[in-house]
Amino acid sequence: MAELLLFLREDGLLVGYLETEDFNAALTGMGLREVNARWQREMMDFFESEVSRAADEQMRPLPEVFHLD
């Protein structure tokens, strides 16, 4: 099970947060959905990248440094 949250600031800054037990399985599952391919095509111009890959192919987990529970 994965949970994705998106936050949009008034100035257009978009921040996404994904929480999942298995990051690679979540990416694989997301890649199998038609809605993901459509979203990648429609949003491609909104992402800056030095490589010509879709945004979901460039996602990398960040190490957790603090968790307040």
PDB file of N, CA and C in Angstrom:
ATOM      1  N   MET A   1       0.853  -1.184   0.000  1.00  0.00           N
ATOM      2  CA  MET A   1       0.000   0.000   0.000  1.00  0.00           C
ATOM      3  C   MET A   1       0.890   1.236   0.000  1.00  0.00           C
ATOM      4  N   ALA A   2       0.549   2.190  -0.818  1.00  0.00           N
ATOM      5  CA  ALA A   2       1.321   3.426  -0.911  1.00  0.00           C
ATOM      6  C   ALA A   2       0.390   4.611  -0.749  1.00  0.00           C
ATOM      7  N   GLU A   3       0.924   5.668  -0.205  1.00  0.00           N
ATOM      8  CA  GLU A   3       0.163   6.900  -0.044  1.00  0.00           C
ATOM      9  C   GLU A   3       0.973   8.028  -0.661  1.00  0.00           C
ATOM     10  N   LEU A   4       0.361   8.779  -1.566  1.00  0.00           N
ATOM     11  CA  LEU A   4       1.019   9.905  -2.215  1.00  0.00           C
ATOM     12  C   LEU A   4       0.248  11.168  -1.883  1.00  0.00           C
ATOM     13  N   LEU A   5       0.947  12.153  -1.397  1.00  0.00           N
ATOM     14  CA  LEU A   5       0.348  13.451  -1.086  1.00  0.00           C
ATOM     15  C   LEU A   5       1.037  14.508  -1.924  1.00  0.00           C
ATOM     16  N   LEU A   6       0.281  15.431  -2.456  1.00  0.00           N
ATOM     17  CA  LEU A   6       0.831  16.553  -3.213  1.00  0.00           C
ATOM     18  C   LEU A   6       0.405  17.845  -2.532  1.00  0.00           C
ATOM     19  N   PHE A   7       1.334  18.772  -2.426  1.00  0.00           N
ATOM     20  CA  PHE A   7       1.078  20.067  -1.823  1.00  0.00           C
ATOM     21  C   PHE A   7       1.434  21.143  -2.842  1.00  0.00           C
ATOM     22  N   LEU A   8       0.567  22.134  -3.017  1.00  0.00           N
ATOM     23  CA  LEU A   8       0.791  23.203  -3.971  1.00  0.00           C
ATOM     24  C   LEU A   8       0.733  24.547  -3.264  1.00  0.00           C
ATOM     25  N   ARG A   9       1.836  25.278  -3.351  1.00  0.00           N
ATOM     26  CA  ARG A   9       1.905  26.611  -2.761  1.00  0.00           C
ATOM     27  C   ARG A   9       1.319  27.617  -3.747  1.00  0.00           C
ATOM     28  N   GLU A  10       0.918  28.768  -3.279  1.00  0.00           N
ATOM     29  CA  GLU A  10       0.297  29.791  -4.131  1.00  0.00           C
ATOM     30  C   GLU A  10       1.204  30.242  -5.260  1.00  0.00           C
ATOM     31  N   ASP A  11       2.520  30.183  -5.053  1.00  0.00           N
ATOM     32  CA  ASP A  11       3.446  30.622  -6.102  1.00  0.00           C
ATOM     33  C   ASP A  11       3.751  29.520  -7.116  1.00  0.00           C
ATOM     34  N   GLY A  12       3.107  28.364  -6.976  1.00  0.00           N
ATOM     35  CA  GLY A  12       3.260  27.291  -7.944  1.00  0.00           C
ATOM     36  C   GLY A  12       4.212  26.182  -7.542  1.00  0.00           C
ATOM     37  N   LEU A  13       4.873  26.306  -6.391  1.00  0.00           N
ATOM     38  CA  LEU A  13       5.765  25.239  -5.939  1.00  0.00           C
ATOM     39  C   LEU A  13       4.948  23.999  -5.609  1.00  0.00           C
ATOM     40  N   LEU A  14       5.281  22.884  -6.231  1.00  0.00           N
ATOM     41  CA  LEU A  14       4.590  21.625  -6.010  1.00  0.00           C
ATOM     42  C   LEU A  14       5.544  20.662  -5.328  1.00  0.00           C
ATOM     43  N   VAL A  15       5.116  20.109  -4.196  1.00  0.00           N
ATOM     44  CA  VAL A  15       5.926  19.161  -3.444  1.00  0.00           C
ATOM     45  C   VAL A  15       5.106  17.885  -3.295  1.00  0.00           C
ATOM     46  N   GLY A  16       5.740  16.764  -3.604  1.00  0.00           N
ATOM     47  CA  GLY A  16       5.078  15.485  -3.466  1.00  0.00           C
ATOM     48  C   GLY A  16       5.710  14.655  -2.370  1.00  0.00           C
ATOM     49  N   TYR A  17       4.909  13.847  -1.715  1.00  0.00           N
ATOM     50  CA  TYR A  17       5.366  13.009  -0.623  1.00  0.00           C
ATOM     51  C   TYR A  17       4.772  11.627  -0.820  1.00  0.00           C
ATOM     52  N   LEU A  18       5.635  10.636  -0.923  1.00  0.00           N
ATOM     53  CA  LEU A  18       5.200   9.256  -1.101  1.00  0.00           C
ATOM     54  C   LEU A  18       5.662   8.446   0.097  1.00  0.00           C
ATOM     55  N   GLU A  19       4.734   7.722   0.694  1.00  0.00           N
ATOM     56  CA  GLU A  19       5.086   6.828   1.789  1.00  0.00           C
ATOM     57  C   GLU A  19       4.632   5.429   1.417  1.00  0.00           C
ATOM     58  N   THR A  20       5.572   4.486   1.425  1.00  0.00           N
ATOM     59  CA  THR A  20       5.272   3.112   1.041  1.00  0.00           C
ATOM     60  C   THR A  20       6.260   2.165   1.711  1.00  0.00           C
ATOM     61  N   GLU A  21       5.840   0.948   1.910  1.00  0.00           N
ATOM     62  CA  GLU A  21       6.737  -0.052   2.490  1.00  0.00           C
ATOM     63  C   GLU A  21       7.733  -0.564   1.460  1.00  0.00           C
ATOM     64  N   ASP A  22       7.356  -0.575   0.181  1.00  0.00           N
ATOM     65  CA  ASP A  22       8.222  -1.094  -0.878  1.00  0.00           C
ATOM     66  C   ASP A  22       8.246  -0.097  -2.036  1.00  0.00           C
ATOM     67  N   PHE A  23       9.268   0.756  -2.065  1.00  0.00           N
ATOM     68  CA  PHE A  23       9.369   1.823  -3.057  1.00  0.00           C
ATOM     69  C   PHE A  23       9.385   1.268  -4.480  1.00  0.00           C
ATOM     70  N   ASN A  24      10.186   0.238  -4.735  1.00  0.00           N
ATOM     71  CA  ASN A  24      10.283  -0.317  -6.087  1.00  0.00           C
ATOM     72  C   ASN A  24       8.964  -0.931  -6.540  1.00  0.00           C
ATOM     73  N   ALA A  25       8.262  -1.617  -5.650  1.00  0.00           N
ATOM     74  CA  ALA A  25       6.959  -2.183  -5.999  1.00  0.00           C
ATOM     75  C   ALA A  25       5.950  -1.080  -6.304  1.00  0.00           C
ATOM     76  N   ALA A  26       6.020   0.019  -5.559  1.00  0.00           N
ATOM     77  CA  ALA A  26       5.110   1.146  -5.810  1.00  0.00           C
ATOM     78  C   ALA A  26       5.376   1.753  -7.181  1.00  0.00           C
ATOM     79  N   LEU A  27       6.654   1.931  -7.537  1.00  0.00           N
ATOM     80  CA  LEU A  27       6.996   2.470  -8.854  1.00  0.00           C
ATOM     81  C   LEU A  27       6.529   1.539  -9.968  1.00  0.00           C
ATOM     82  N   THR A  28       6.740   0.251  -9.779  1.00  0.00           N
ATOM     83  CA  THR A  28       6.319  -0.731 -10.781  1.00  0.00           C
ATOM     84  C   THR A  28       4.805  -0.692 -10.959  1.00  0.00           C
ATOM     85  N   GLY A  29       4.077  -0.697  -9.864  1.00  0.00           N
ATOM     86  CA  GLY A  29       2.617  -0.648  -9.928  1.00  0.00           C
ATOM     87  C   GLY A  29       2.112   0.627 -10.575  1.00  0.00           C
ATOM     88  N   MET A  30       2.740   1.736 -10.247  1.00  0.00           N
ATOM     89  CA  MET A  30       2.345   3.020 -10.828  1.00  0.00           C
ATOM     90  C   MET A  30       2.595   3.006 -12.334  1.00  0.00           C
ATOM     91  N   GLY A  31       3.720   2.416 -12.755  1.00  0.00           N
ATOM     92  CA  GLY A  31       4.067   2.370 -14.167  1.00  0.00           C
ATOM     93  C   GLY A  31       3.130   1.521 -15.008  1.00  0.00           C
ATOM     94  N   LEU A  32       2.399   0.628 -14.385  1.00  0.00           N
ATOM     95  CA  LEU A  32       1.479  -0.245 -15.110  1.00  0.00           C
ATOM     96  C   LEU A  32       0.126   0.404 -15.387  1.00  0.00           C
ATOM     97  N   ARG A  33      -0.119   1.542 -14.814  1.00  0.00           N
ATOM     98  CA  ARG A  33      -1.430   2.193 -14.954  1.00  0.00           C
ATOM     99  C   ARG A  33      -1.431   3.192 -16.112  1.00  0.00           C
ATOM    100  N   GLU A  34      -2.468   3.153 -16.906  1.00  0.00           N
ATOM    101  CA  GLU A  34      -2.587   4.054 -18.049  1.00  0.00           C
ATOM    102  C   GLU A  34      -2.622   5.508 -17.587  1.00  0.00           C
ATOM    103  N   VAL A  35      -3.234   5.764 -16.450  1.00  0.00           N
ATOM    104  CA  VAL A  35      -3.331   7.132 -15.965  1.00  0.00           C
ATOM    105  C   VAL A  35      -1.942   7.710 -15.687  1.00  0.00           C
ATOM    106  N   ASN A  36      -0.991   6.878 -15.297  1.00  0.00           N
ATOM    107  CA  ASN A  36       0.366   7.356 -15.067  1.00  0.00           C
ATOM    108  C   ASN A  36       1.010   7.809 -16.371  1.00  0.00           C
ATOM    109  N   ALA A  37       0.870   7.017 -17.426  1.00  0.00           N
ATOM    110  CA  ALA A  37       1.442   7.394 -18.723  1.00  0.00           C
ATOM    111  C   ALA A  37       0.834   8.704 -19.220  1.00  0.00           C
ATOM    112  N   ARG A  38      -0.466   8.847 -19.057  1.00  0.00           N
ATOM    113  CA  ARG A  38      -1.140  10.083 -19.471  1.00  0.00           C
ATOM    114  C   ARG A  38      -0.650  11.269 -18.647  1.00  0.00           C
ATOM    115  N   TRP A  39      -0.537  11.088 -17.334  1.00  0.00           N
ATOM    116  CA  TRP A  39      -0.070  12.166 -16.456  1.00  0.00           C
ATOM    117  C   TRP A  39       1.349  12.571 -16.829  1.00  0.00           C
ATOM    118  N   GLN A  40       2.219  11.592 -17.076  1.00  0.00           N
ATOM    119  CA  GLN A  40       3.604  11.892 -17.453  1.00  0.00           C
ATOM    120  C   GLN A  40       3.663  12.721 -18.735  1.00  0.00           C
ATOM    121  N   ARG A  41       2.862  12.363 -19.732  1.00  0.00           N
ATOM    122  CA  ARG A  41       2.840  13.109 -21.003  1.00  0.00           C
ATOM    123  C   ARG A  41       2.355  14.538 -20.781  1.00  0.00           C
ATOM    124  N   GLU A  42       1.278  14.684 -20.038  1.00  0.00           N
ATOM    125  CA  GLU A  42       0.673  16.003 -19.870  1.00  0.00           C
ATOM    126  C   GLU A  42       1.497  16.923 -18.972  1.00  0.00           C
ATOM    127  N   MET A  43       2.272  16.371 -18.055  1.00  0.00           N
ATOM    128  CA  MET A  43       3.018  17.188 -17.097  1.00  0.00           C
ATOM    129  C   MET A  43       4.494  17.354 -17.446  1.00  0.00           C
ATOM    130  N   MET A  44       4.953  16.706 -18.509  1.00  0.00           N
ATOM    131  CA  MET A  44       6.361  16.701 -18.870  1.00  0.00           C
ATOM    132  C   MET A  44       6.972  18.105 -18.922  1.00  0.00           C
ATOM    133  N   ASP A  45       6.261  19.067 -19.458  1.00  0.00           N
ATOM    134  CA  ASP A  45       6.798  20.429 -19.603  1.00  0.00           C
ATOM    135  C   ASP A  45       6.955  21.168 -18.279  1.00  0.00           C
ATOM    136  N   PHE A  46       6.373  20.648 -17.209  1.00  0.00           N
ATOM    137  CA  PHE A  46       6.439  21.321 -15.920  1.00  0.00           C
ATOM    138  C   PHE A  46       7.613  20.857 -15.064  1.00  0.00           C
ATOM    139  N   PHE A  47       8.385  19.889 -15.545  1.00  0.00           N
ATOM    140  CA  PHE A  47       9.519  19.366 -14.793  1.00  0.00           C
ATOM    141  C   PHE A  47      10.818  19.718 -15.489  1.00  0.00           C
ATOM    142  N   GLU A  48      11.774  20.222 -14.714  1.00  0.00           N
ATOM    143  CA  GLU A  48      13.099  20.500 -15.247  1.00  0.00           C
ATOM    144  C   GLU A  48      13.950  19.252 -15.081  1.00  0.00           C
ATOM    145  N   SER A  49      14.685  18.906 -16.126  1.00  0.00           N
ATOM    146  CA  SER A  49      15.497  17.709 -16.057  1.00  0.00           C
ATOM    147  C   SER A  49      16.685  17.824 -16.989  1.00  0.00           C
ATOM    148  N   GLU A  50      17.801  17.273 -16.558  1.00  0.00           N
ATOM    149  CA  GLU A  50      18.984  17.241 -17.414  1.00  0.00           C
ATOM    150  C   GLU A  50      18.976  16.007 -18.307  1.00  0.00           C
ATOM    151  N   VAL A  51      18.134  15.073 -18.023  1.00  0.00           N
ATOM    152  CA  VAL A  51      18.016  13.849 -18.822  1.00  0.00           C
ATOM    153  C   VAL A  51      16.620  13.781 -19.412  1.00  0.00           C
ATOM    154  N   SER A  52      16.461  13.058 -20.484  1.00  0.00           N
ATOM    155  CA  SER A  52      15.145  12.980 -21.124  1.00  0.00           C
ATOM    156  C   SER A  52      14.404  11.730 -20.671  1.00  0.00           C
ATOM    157  N   ARG A  53      14.060  11.715 -19.381  1.00  0.00           N
ATOM    158  CA  ARG A  53      13.263  10.627 -18.813  1.00  0.00           C
ATOM    159  C   ARG A  53      12.045  11.226 -18.136  1.00  0.00           C
ATOM    160  N   ALA A  54      11.012  10.429 -18.019  1.00  0.00           N
ATOM    161  CA  ALA A  54       9.789  10.879 -17.351  1.00  0.00           C
ATOM    162  C   ALA A  54      10.067  11.149 -15.875  1.00  0.00           C
ATOM    163  N   ALA A  55       9.271  12.007 -15.292  1.00  0.00           N
ATOM    164  CA  ALA A  55       9.467  12.400 -13.893  1.00  0.00           C
ATOM    165  C   ALA A  55       9.430  11.200 -12.952  1.00  0.00           C
ATOM    166  N   ASP A  56       8.525  10.246 -13.210  1.00  0.00           N
ATOM    167  CA  ASP A  56       8.435   9.089 -12.315  1.00  0.00           C
ATOM    168  C   ASP A  56       9.660   8.177 -12.422  1.00  0.00           C
ATOM    169  N   GLU A  57      10.392   8.257 -13.510  1.00  0.00           N
ATOM    170  CA  GLU A  57      11.616   7.468 -13.658  1.00  0.00           C
ATOM    171  C   GLU A  57      12.806   8.113 -12.953  1.00  0.00           C
ATOM    172  N   GLN A  58      12.630   9.342 -12.493  1.00  0.00           N
ATOM    173  CA  GLN A  58      13.711  10.060 -11.821  1.00  0.00           C
ATOM    174  C   GLN A  58      13.512  10.150 -10.313  1.00  0.00           C
ATOM    175  N   MET A  59      12.402   9.622  -9.821  1.00  0.00           N
ATOM    176  CA  MET A  59      12.129   9.669  -8.384  1.00  0.00           C
ATOM    177  C   MET A  59      13.141   8.830  -7.624  1.00  0.00           C
ATOM    178  N   ARG A  60      13.634   9.366  -6.535  1.00  0.00           N
ATOM    179  CA  ARG A  60      14.574   8.656  -5.678  1.00  0.00           C
ATOM    180  C   ARG A  60      14.155   8.856  -4.234  1.00  0.00           C
ATOM    181  N   PRO A  61      14.201   7.810  -3.432  1.00  0.00           N
ATOM    182  CA  PRO A  61      13.853   7.992  -2.011  1.00  0.00           C
ATOM    183  C   PRO A  61      14.921   8.821  -1.306  1.00  0.00           C
ATOM    184  N   LEU A  62      14.479   9.613  -0.363  1.00  0.00           N
ATOM    185  CA  LEU A  62      15.385  10.398   0.479  1.00  0.00           C
ATOM    186  C   LEU A  62      15.508   9.712   1.830  1.00  0.00           C
ATOM    187  N   PRO A  63      16.684   9.722   2.414  1.00  0.00           N
ATOM    188  CA  PRO A  63      16.829   9.096   3.735  1.00  0.00           C
ATOM    189  C   PRO A  63      16.091   9.910   4.800  1.00  0.00           C
ATOM    190  N   GLU A  64      15.415   9.212   5.680  1.00  0.00           N
ATOM    191  CA  GLU A  64      14.726   9.875   6.782  1.00  0.00           C
ATOM    192  C   GLU A  64      15.750  10.294   7.828  1.00  0.00           C
ATOM    193  N   VAL A  65      15.682  11.560   8.233  1.00  0.00           N
ATOM    194  CA  VAL A  65      16.627  12.051   9.242  1.00  0.00           C
ATOM    195  C   VAL A  65      15.939  12.410  10.552  1.00  0.00           C
ATOM    196  N   PHE A  66      14.601  12.538  10.523  1.00  0.00           N
ATOM    197  CA  PHE A  66      13.875  12.866  11.733  1.00  0.00           C
ATOM    198  C   PHE A  66      12.430  12.455  11.548  1.00  0.00           C
ATOM    199  N   HIS A  67      11.842  11.862  12.545  1.00  0.00           N
ATOM    200  CA  HIS A  67      10.435  11.457  12.475  1.00  0.00           C
ATOM    201  C   HIS A  67       9.790  11.738  13.825  1.00  0.00           C
ATOM    202  N   LEU A  68       8.847  12.657  13.849  1.00  0.00           N
ATOM    203  CA  LEU A  68       8.112  12.999  15.064  1.00  0.00           C
ATOM    204  C   LEU A  68       6.788  12.261  15.012  1.00  0.00           C
ATOM    205  N   ASP A  69       6.629  11.285  15.864  1.00  0.00           N
ATOM    206  CA  ASP A  69       5.413  10.475  15.844  1.00  0.00           C
ATOM    207  C   ASP A  69       4.663  10.629  17.136  1.00  0.00           C
TER     208      ASP A  69
END
